[in-house]
Amino acid sequence: MGADYWFSRRDLHELGANVETSLVMDIAVDSMRVAVLVAGPVLAAALLSGVLVGVLQAATSIQEMTLSFIPKLAIIGITLVIFGEWQLTVMAEYFETIFERVRAVTN
């Protein structure tokens, strides 16, 4: 590492010595849980609308590309309007806990 880095190797080693493997794994599991919670409603709505439009296209033999894109886009927008506040709340709470954990490790 050159002089351009903020931390020396010793500083990084000392900082890493305070972090336990279980804490890192807990943070990783929590981050995956939050990602699934936040992305779940939007992905489920996109999947459901895609399947419904696909069935409709197969039943009517209409193979227009915009027919599958526009309803999916509208459903995703509606889902974001409905669940957006909740998603932001979940993410804000998660980041607060991450900052508290970082503060606890650095003290």
N, C-alpha and C. Protein backbone atom coordinates (compact mmCIF):
# COMPACT_ATOMS: atom_id res chain seq x y z
N MET A 1 0.84 -1.19 0.00
CA MET A 1 0.00 0.00 0.00
C MET A 1 0.88 1.24 0.00
N GLY A 2 0.49 2.20 -0.78
CA GLY A 2 1.27 3.42 -0.87
C GLY A 2 0.75 4.48 0.09
N ALA A 3 1.30 5.67 -0.05
CA ALA A 3 0.93 6.77 0.83
C ALA A 3 -0.44 7.33 0.49
N ASP A 4 -1.02 6.91 -0.63
CA ASP A 4 -2.31 7.43 -1.07
C ASP A 4 -3.47 6.87 -0.26
N TYR A 5 -3.25 5.79 0.49
CA TYR A 5 -4.34 5.16 1.24
C TYR A 5 -4.49 5.83 2.60
N TRP A 6 -5.70 5.80 3.13
CA TRP A 6 -6.00 6.44 4.40
C TRP A 6 -5.43 5.67 5.59
N PHE A 7 -5.47 4.35 5.50
CA PHE A 7 -5.03 3.51 6.60
C PHE A 7 -3.73 2.79 6.24
N SER A 8 -2.88 2.62 7.22
CA SER A 8 -1.71 1.78 7.00
C SER A 8 -2.12 0.33 7.18
N ARG A 9 -1.23 -0.58 6.87
CA ARG A 9 -1.54 -2.00 7.05
C ARG A 9 -1.78 -2.32 8.51
N ARG A 10 -1.01 -1.71 9.40
CA ARG A 10 -1.19 -1.96 10.83
C ARG A 10 -2.57 -1.49 11.29
N ASP A 11 -3.00 -0.31 10.80
CA ASP A 11 -4.33 0.19 11.18
C ASP A 11 -5.42 -0.75 10.70
N LEU A 12 -5.30 -1.24 9.48
CA LEU A 12 -6.30 -2.16 8.95
C LEU A 12 -6.30 -3.47 9.70
N HIS A 13 -5.13 -3.95 10.07
CA HIS A 13 -5.05 -5.20 10.83
C HIS A 13 -5.68 -5.02 12.21
N GLU A 14 -5.40 -3.91 12.87
CA GLU A 14 -5.99 -3.66 14.20
C GLU A 14 -7.50 -3.49 14.11
N LEU A 15 -7.97 -2.84 13.07
CA LEU A 15 -9.41 -2.69 12.89
C LEU A 15 -10.05 -4.04 12.62
N GLY A 16 -9.44 -4.87 11.81
CA GLY A 16 -9.97 -6.19 11.51
C GLY A 16 -9.92 -7.12 12.70
N ALA A 17 -8.99 -6.91 13.62
CA ALA A 17 -8.88 -7.78 14.78
C ALA A 17 -10.08 -7.62 15.70
N ASN A 18 -10.72 -6.47 15.67
CA ASN A 18 -11.87 -6.23 16.54
C ASN A 18 -13.15 -6.83 16.00
N VAL A 19 -13.19 -7.17 14.73
CA VAL A 19 -14.40 -7.68 14.10
C VAL A 19 -14.37 -9.21 14.14
N GLU A 20 -15.39 -9.78 14.76
CA GLU A 20 -15.46 -11.23 14.83
C GLU A 20 -16.18 -11.78 13.61
N THR A 21 -15.92 -13.03 13.30
CA THR A 21 -16.53 -13.67 12.14
C THR A 21 -18.04 -13.77 12.30
N SER A 22 -18.51 -14.02 13.51
CA SER A 22 -19.95 -14.13 13.73
C SER A 22 -20.66 -12.81 13.47
N LEU A 23 -20.02 -11.69 13.80
CA LEU A 23 -20.61 -10.38 13.54
C LEU A 23 -20.73 -10.14 12.04
N VAL A 24 -19.71 -10.51 11.30
CA VAL A 24 -19.73 -10.33 9.85
C VAL A 24 -20.82 -11.20 9.23
N MET A 25 -20.95 -12.43 9.71
CA MET A 25 -21.98 -13.33 9.17
C MET A 25 -23.38 -12.83 9.54
N ASP A 26 -23.54 -12.29 10.74
CA ASP A 26 -24.84 -11.73 11.12
C ASP A 26 -25.22 -10.57 10.21
N ILE A 27 -24.25 -9.72 9.91
CA ILE A 27 -24.51 -8.59 9.03
C ILE A 27 -24.86 -9.09 7.62
N ALA A 28 -24.16 -10.11 7.15
CA ALA A 28 -24.43 -10.65 5.82
C ALA A 28 -25.83 -11.26 5.75
N VAL A 29 -26.22 -12.01 6.77
CA VAL A 29 -27.55 -12.62 6.79
C VAL A 29 -28.63 -11.54 6.87
N ASP A 30 -28.41 -10.55 7.72
CA ASP A 30 -29.39 -9.46 7.82
C ASP A 30 -29.51 -8.68 6.52
N SER A 31 -28.39 -8.46 5.83
CA SER A 31 -28.45 -7.72 4.57
C SER A 31 -29.20 -8.50 3.50
N MET A 32 -29.03 -9.82 3.47
CA MET A 32 -29.78 -10.63 2.51
C MET A 32 -31.27 -10.63 2.84
N ARG A 33 -31.60 -10.68 4.13
CA ARG A 33 -33.01 -10.64 4.55
C ARG A 33 -33.65 -9.32 4.14
N VAL A 34 -32.96 -8.22 4.37
CA VAL A 34 -33.49 -6.90 4.01
C VAL A 34 -33.63 -6.78 2.49
N ALA A 35 -32.66 -7.30 1.75
CA ALA A 35 -32.74 -7.24 0.28
C ALA A 35 -33.95 -8.00 -0.23
N VAL A 36 -34.22 -9.17 0.34
CA VAL A 36 -35.39 -9.95 -0.08
C VAL A 36 -36.67 -9.23 0.31
N LEU A 37 -36.71 -8.67 1.51
CA LEU A 37 -37.92 -7.96 1.95
C LEU A 37 -38.21 -6.74 1.07
N VAL A 38 -37.18 -5.99 0.74
CA VAL A 38 -37.38 -4.76 -0.03
C VAL A 38 -37.69 -5.07 -1.49
N ALA A 39 -37.01 -6.03 -2.08
CA ALA A 39 -37.21 -6.33 -3.50
C ALA A 39 -38.38 -7.26 -3.74
N GLY A 40 -38.81 -7.99 -2.73
CA GLY A 40 -39.85 -9.00 -2.89
C GLY A 40 -41.15 -8.52 -3.51
N PRO A 41 -41.76 -7.47 -2.97
CA PRO A 41 -43.04 -7.04 -3.55
C PRO A 41 -42.94 -6.61 -5.01
N VAL A 42 -41.88 -5.90 -5.36
CA VAL A 42 -41.73 -5.44 -6.74
C VAL A 42 -41.48 -6.62 -7.68
N LEU A 43 -40.62 -7.53 -7.25
CA LEU A 43 -40.33 -8.70 -8.10
C LEU A 43 -41.54 -9.61 -8.24
N ALA A 44 -42.29 -9.78 -7.15
CA ALA A 44 -43.49 -10.62 -7.22
C ALA A 44 -44.53 -10.00 -8.15
N ALA A 45 -44.70 -8.68 -8.08
CA ALA A 45 -45.66 -8.02 -8.96
C ALA A 45 -45.23 -8.12 -10.42
N ALA A 46 -43.92 -7.95 -10.68
CA ALA A 46 -43.43 -8.07 -12.06
C ALA A 46 -43.59 -9.49 -12.57
N LEU A 47 -43.33 -10.47 -11.73
CA LEU A 47 -43.48 -11.86 -12.13
C LEU A 47 -44.93 -12.19 -12.43
N LEU A 48 -45.82 -11.79 -11.55
CA LEU A 48 -47.24 -12.07 -11.73
C LEU A 48 -47.79 -11.39 -12.98
N SER A 49 -47.44 -10.13 -13.18
CA SER A 49 -47.94 -9.44 -14.37
C SER A 49 -47.33 -10.03 -15.64
N GLY A 50 -46.07 -10.44 -15.60
CA GLY A 50 -45.45 -11.07 -16.76
C GLY A 50 -46.10 -12.38 -17.13
N VAL A 51 -46.42 -13.19 -16.11
CA VAL A 51 -47.09 -14.46 -16.38
C VAL A 51 -48.49 -14.24 -16.94
N LEU A 52 -49.23 -13.30 -16.37
CA LEU A 52 -50.59 -13.04 -16.85
C LEU A 52 -50.58 -12.51 -18.29
N VAL A 53 -49.68 -11.60 -18.58
CA VAL A 53 -49.59 -11.07 -19.94
C VAL A 53 -49.12 -12.16 -20.90
N GLY A 54 -48.20 -13.01 -20.46
CA GLY A 54 -47.74 -14.12 -21.31
C GLY A 54 -48.85 -15.10 -21.62
N VAL A 55 -49.68 -15.41 -20.63
CA VAL A 55 -50.82 -16.30 -20.87
C VAL A 55 -51.81 -15.64 -21.82
N LEU A 56 -52.05 -14.35 -21.62
CA LEU A 56 -52.95 -13.62 -22.51
C LEU A 56 -52.41 -13.59 -23.94
N GLN A 57 -51.12 -13.38 -24.10
CA GLN A 57 -50.53 -13.37 -25.43
C GLN A 57 -50.59 -14.75 -26.07
N ALA A 58 -50.36 -15.79 -25.30
CA ALA A 58 -50.42 -17.14 -25.85
C ALA A 58 -51.84 -17.51 -26.25
N ALA A 59 -52.81 -17.06 -25.47
CA ALA A 59 -54.21 -17.40 -25.76
C ALA A 59 -54.73 -16.66 -26.98
N THR A 60 -54.26 -15.44 -27.19
CA THR A 60 -54.77 -14.64 -28.30
C THR A 60 -53.84 -14.60 -29.50
N SER A 61 -52.67 -15.19 -29.41
CA SER A 61 -51.66 -15.19 -30.48
C SER A 61 -51.21 -13.79 -30.85
N ILE A 62 -51.25 -12.86 -29.91
CA ILE A 62 -50.74 -11.51 -30.13
C ILE A 62 -49.31 -11.49 -29.59
N GLN A 63 -48.35 -11.24 -30.48
CA GLN A 63 -46.95 -11.26 -30.08
C GLN A 63 -46.32 -9.88 -30.17
N GLU A 64 -46.98 -8.90 -29.62
CA GLU A 64 -46.47 -7.54 -29.62
C GLU A 64 -45.57 -7.35 -28.38
N MET A 65 -44.34 -6.86 -28.57
CA MET A 65 -43.39 -6.71 -27.48
C MET A 65 -43.82 -5.66 -26.46
N THR A 66 -44.41 -4.56 -26.94
CA THR A 66 -44.82 -3.51 -26.02
C THR A 66 -45.99 -3.95 -25.15
N LEU A 67 -46.74 -4.94 -25.61
CA LEU A 67 -47.86 -5.44 -24.81
C LEU A 67 -47.37 -6.09 -23.53
N SER A 68 -46.20 -6.68 -23.54
CA SER A 68 -45.68 -7.28 -22.31
C SER A 68 -44.92 -6.26 -21.47
N PHE A 69 -44.37 -5.23 -22.08
CA PHE A 69 -43.56 -4.26 -21.36
C PHE A 69 -44.39 -3.21 -20.63
N ILE A 70 -45.37 -2.65 -21.27
CA ILE A 70 -46.15 -1.55 -20.69
C ILE A 70 -46.93 -1.97 -19.45
N PRO A 71 -47.66 -3.08 -19.45
CA PRO A 71 -48.36 -3.47 -18.21
C PRO A 71 -47.40 -3.77 -17.07
N LYS A 72 -46.28 -4.40 -17.39
CA LYS A 72 -45.30 -4.71 -16.36
C LYS A 72 -44.74 -3.43 -15.74
N LEU A 73 -44.45 -2.45 -16.58
CA LEU A 73 -43.95 -1.16 -16.09
C LEU A 73 -44.98 -0.46 -15.23
N ALA A 74 -46.24 -0.51 -15.64
CA ALA A 74 -47.31 0.12 -14.86
C ALA A 74 -47.50 -0.58 -13.51
N ILE A 75 -47.47 -1.89 -13.49
CA ILE A 75 -47.64 -2.64 -12.25
C ILE A 75 -46.47 -2.38 -11.30
N ILE A 76 -45.26 -2.30 -11.83
CA ILE A 76 -44.10 -2.00 -10.98
C ILE A 76 -44.21 -0.61 -10.39
N GLY A 77 -44.66 0.36 -11.18
CA GLY A 77 -44.86 1.71 -10.66
C GLY A 77 -45.90 1.76 -9.57
N ILE A 78 -47.01 1.07 -9.77
CA ILE A 78 -48.07 1.03 -8.75
C ILE A 78 -47.56 0.35 -7.48
N THR A 79 -46.80 -0.72 -7.65
CA THR A 79 -46.24 -1.43 -6.50
C THR A 79 -45.28 -0.54 -5.72
N LEU A 80 -44.46 0.23 -6.43
CA LEU A 80 -43.55 1.13 -5.75
C LEU A 80 -44.29 2.24 -5.00
N VAL A 81 -45.40 2.71 -5.56
CA VAL A 81 -46.20 3.71 -4.87
C VAL A 81 -46.81 3.13 -3.60
N ILE A 82 -47.28 1.90 -3.69
CA ILE A 82 -47.93 1.27 -2.54
C ILE A 82 -46.92 0.89 -1.45
N PHE A 83 -45.82 0.25 -1.85
CA PHE A 83 -44.86 -0.29 -0.88
C PHE A 83 -43.63 0.58 -0.67
N GLY A 84 -43.51 1.69 -1.37
CA GLY A 84 -42.30 2.51 -1.30
C GLY A 84 -41.97 3.03 0.08
N GLU A 85 -42.96 3.54 0.79
CA GLU A 85 -42.72 4.07 2.13
C GLU A 85 -42.26 2.97 3.08
N TRP A 86 -42.89 1.80 2.99
CA TRP A 86 -42.49 0.68 3.83
C TRP A 86 -41.07 0.22 3.50
N GLN A 87 -40.73 0.19 2.21
CA GLN A 87 -39.39 -0.22 1.80
C GLN A 87 -38.34 0.74 2.34
N LEU A 88 -38.61 2.03 2.27
CA LEU A 88 -37.67 3.01 2.80
C LEU A 88 -37.53 2.89 4.31
N THR A 89 -38.63 2.59 5.00
CA THR A 89 -38.57 2.42 6.45
C THR A 89 -37.72 1.21 6.82
N VAL A 90 -37.90 0.11 6.13
CA VAL A 90 -37.11 -1.10 6.39
C VAL A 90 -35.63 -0.83 6.16
N MET A 91 -35.30 -0.16 5.07
CA MET A 91 -33.90 0.13 4.77
C MET A 91 -33.31 1.11 5.77
N ALA A 92 -34.07 2.12 6.18
CA ALA A 92 -33.56 3.09 7.15
C ALA A 92 -33.29 2.42 8.50
N GLU A 93 -34.18 1.55 8.93
CA GLU A 93 -33.96 0.83 10.19
C GLU A 93 -32.74 -0.08 10.10
N TYR A 94 -32.55 -0.72 8.95
CA TYR A 94 -31.40 -1.59 8.77
C TYR A 94 -30.10 -0.78 8.84
N PHE A 95 -30.06 0.36 8.15
CA PHE A 95 -28.85 1.18 8.17
C PHE A 95 -28.57 1.75 9.55
N GLU A 96 -29.61 2.05 10.31
CA GLU A 96 -29.40 2.50 11.69
C GLU A 96 -28.73 1.41 12.51
N THR A 97 -29.17 0.16 12.35
CA THR A 97 -28.54 -0.93 13.10
C THR A 97 -27.11 -1.16 12.62
N ILE A 98 -26.86 -1.01 11.33
CA ILE A 98 -25.49 -1.17 10.83
C ILE A 98 -24.59 -0.09 11.42
N PHE A 99 -25.05 1.15 11.45
CA PHE A 99 -24.24 2.22 12.01
C PHE A 99 -24.00 2.01 13.50
N GLU A 100 -25.00 1.50 14.22
CA GLU A 100 -24.81 1.19 15.64
C GLU A 100 -23.77 0.09 15.83
N ARG A 101 -23.80 -0.93 14.97
CA ARG A 101 -22.81 -2.01 15.06
C ARG A 101 -21.41 -1.49 14.76
N VAL A 102 -21.28 -0.64 13.76
CA VAL A 102 -19.97 -0.07 13.43
C VAL A 102 -19.46 0.78 14.59
N ARG A 103 -20.33 1.56 15.18
CA ARG A 103 -19.95 2.38 16.32
C ARG A 103 -19.50 1.51 17.49
N ALA A 104 -20.19 0.39 17.72
CA ALA A 104 -19.84 -0.49 18.81
C ALA A 104 -18.49 -1.17 18.56
N VAL A 105 -18.20 -1.49 17.31
CA VAL A 105 -16.94 -2.17 16.99
C VAL A 105 -15.76 -1.20 17.09
N THR A 106 -15.95 0.03 16.65
CA THR A 106 -14.83 0.99 16.64
C THR A 106 -14.55 1.57 18.01
N ASN A 107 -15.47 1.44 18.96
CA ASN A 107 -15.23 1.97 20.32
C ASN A 107 -14.51 0.98 21.17
